[in-house]
Amino acid sequence: QVQLVESGGALVQAGGSLRLSCAASGSTLSINAMGWYRQAPGKQRELVADISSGGSTNYADSVKGRFTISRDNAKNTVYLQMNSLKPEDTAVYYCYADKLRVLTTTRIWGQGTQVTVSS
């Protein structure tokens, strides 16, 4: 049993910064990759960044050089540091964690947090 709670979303002006947090609780030892998706109104949900259990990271081309994903296993938390924010970053951001099962992997989702970037 794993639960994810997100925080950090806000209204910010273009060029500003935010840090999103996603705290996991429960049976966290079986978690493999963690990451962040976002969904803007009228658009398909897209992967923003992910991080493996070993610390390897991947980013969407649109956020490379501006966003940084990290994880702190002591706090059971994954972060998304967002710098140089643009209006096109406006979306609901969802964190996830992949929990290993005997034959497959279950993806667990946070509740989402709103990020709004004004011009």
Protein backbone atom coordinates (compact mmCIF):
# COMPACT_ATOMS: atom_id res chain seq x y z
CA GLN A 1 0.00 0.00 0.00
CA VAL A 2 1.50 3.29 -1.20
CA GLN A 3 -0.07 6.74 -1.08
CA LEU A 4 1.23 9.91 -2.79
CA VAL A 5 0.49 13.46 -1.62
CA GLU A 6 1.52 16.42 -3.80
CA SER A 7 2.18 20.03 -2.82
CA GLY A 8 3.81 23.19 -4.18
CA GLY A 9 1.54 24.30 -7.01
CA ALA A 10 0.86 28.04 -7.23
CA LEU A 11 0.29 31.08 -9.43
CA VAL A 12 3.63 32.54 -10.54
CA GLN A 13 4.79 35.11 -13.08
CA ALA A 14 6.77 34.14 -16.16
CA GLY A 15 10.45 33.73 -15.35
CA GLY A 16 9.74 32.65 -11.79
CA SER A 17 10.40 29.36 -10.02
CA LEU A 18 8.44 26.72 -8.15
CA ARG A 19 9.29 23.44 -6.46
CA LEU A 20 6.75 20.64 -6.46
CA SER A 21 6.93 17.88 -3.87
CA CYS A 22 5.38 14.41 -3.84
CA ALA A 23 5.61 12.45 -0.60
CA ALA A 24 5.09 8.69 -0.55
CA SER A 25 3.95 6.71 2.46
CA GLY A 26 3.25 3.05 3.12
CA SER A 27 5.19 0.19 1.53
CA THR A 28 7.79 2.31 -0.25
CA LEU A 29 10.57 -0.29 -0.57
CA SER A 30 9.02 -1.76 -3.73
CA ILE A 31 8.91 1.57 -5.62
CA ASN A 32 10.97 1.71 -8.82
CA ALA A 33 10.64 4.73 -11.11
CA MET A 34 8.93 7.94 -10.04
CA GLY A 35 8.03 10.93 -12.17
CA TRP A 36 5.78 13.79 -13.17
CA TYR A 37 3.13 14.21 -15.85
CA ARG A 38 1.23 17.36 -16.69
CA GLN A 39 -2.04 18.07 -18.47
CA ALA A 40 -3.13 21.44 -19.80
CA PRO A 41 -6.79 22.18 -20.66
CA GLY A 42 -7.76 20.60 -23.96
CA LYS A 43 -4.41 18.84 -24.37
CA GLN A 44 -3.17 15.30 -23.92
CA ARG A 45 -1.32 14.41 -20.74
CA GLU A 46 2.45 14.39 -21.29
CA LEU A 47 5.44 13.04 -19.40
CA VAL A 48 7.54 15.88 -17.97
CA ALA A 49 10.32 13.98 -16.20
CA ASP A 50 11.06 10.68 -14.54
CA ILE A 51 13.76 9.22 -12.32
CA SER A 52 14.75 5.60 -11.80
CA SER A 53 15.53 3.88 -8.53
CA GLY A 54 19.21 4.31 -9.41
CA GLY A 55 18.88 8.04 -10.07
CA SER A 56 18.85 8.07 -13.88
CA THR A 57 16.67 10.91 -15.21
CA ASN A 58 14.79 11.78 -18.39
CA TYR A 59 13.11 15.03 -19.42
CA ALA A 60 10.71 16.23 -22.05
CA ASP A 61 12.47 18.38 -24.64
CA SER A 62 10.33 21.36 -23.68
CA VAL A 63 11.68 21.47 -20.10
CA LYS A 64 15.32 20.43 -20.54
CA GLY A 65 17.65 22.93 -18.91
CA ARG A 66 14.84 24.47 -16.85
CA PHE A 67 13.40 21.63 -14.73
CA THR A 68 15.22 19.23 -12.42
CA ILE A 69 13.76 16.05 -10.95
CA SER A 70 15.26 14.52 -7.81
CA ARG A 71 14.32 12.08 -5.08
CA ASP A 72 15.14 11.78 -1.39
CA ASN A 73 14.65 8.21 -0.22
CA ALA A 74 15.16 9.17 3.42
CA LYS A 75 12.07 11.37 3.16
CA ASN A 76 10.27 9.14 0.61
CA THR A 77 9.79 12.20 -1.58
CA VAL A 78 10.28 13.13 -5.23
CA TYR A 79 10.72 16.77 -6.26
CA LEU A 80 10.38 18.81 -9.41
CA GLN A 81 12.35 22.07 -9.36
CA MET A 82 10.96 24.37 -12.06
CA ASN A 83 12.95 27.46 -13.11
CA SER A 84 12.43 30.04 -15.86
CA LEU A 85 8.74 29.20 -16.00
CA LYS A 86 6.78 30.00 -19.15
CA PRO A 87 3.04 30.43 -19.70
CA GLU A 88 3.03 27.17 -21.68
CA ASP A 89 4.05 25.36 -18.48
CA THR A 90 0.57 26.04 -17.09
CA ALA A 91 -1.06 22.69 -16.29
CA VAL A 92 -2.12 20.31 -13.57
CA TYR A 93 0.96 18.34 -12.54
CA TYR A 94 0.61 14.72 -11.39
CA CYS A 95 3.32 12.67 -9.74
CA TYR A 96 3.45 8.89 -9.97
CA ALA A 97 5.29 5.94 -8.50
CA ASP A 98 5.65 2.49 -10.05
CA LYS A 99 5.25 -0.34 -7.54
CA LEU A 100 6.72 -3.72 -8.44
CA ARG A 101 4.34 -6.70 -8.35
CA VAL A 102 5.03 -10.42 -8.89
CA LEU A 103 4.23 -10.33 -12.65
CA THR A 104 3.67 -6.67 -13.43
CA THR A 105 4.04 -3.10 -12.18
CA THR A 106 1.27 -0.95 -10.72
CA ARG A 107 1.34 2.81 -11.28
CA ILE A 108 0.16 4.91 -8.33
CA TRP A 109 -0.86 8.54 -8.85
CA GLY A 110 -0.88 11.66 -6.72
CA GLN A 111 -3.93 13.91 -6.60
CA GLY A 112 -2.51 16.63 -8.86
CA THR A 113 -1.43 20.20 -8.18
CA GLN A 114 -2.20 23.28 -10.28
CA VAL A 115 0.64 25.36 -11.73
CA THR A 116 -0.35 28.61 -13.41
CA VAL A 117 2.23 30.87 -15.08
CA SER A 118 1.08 34.37 -16.01
CA SER A 119 2.68 36.51 -18.70
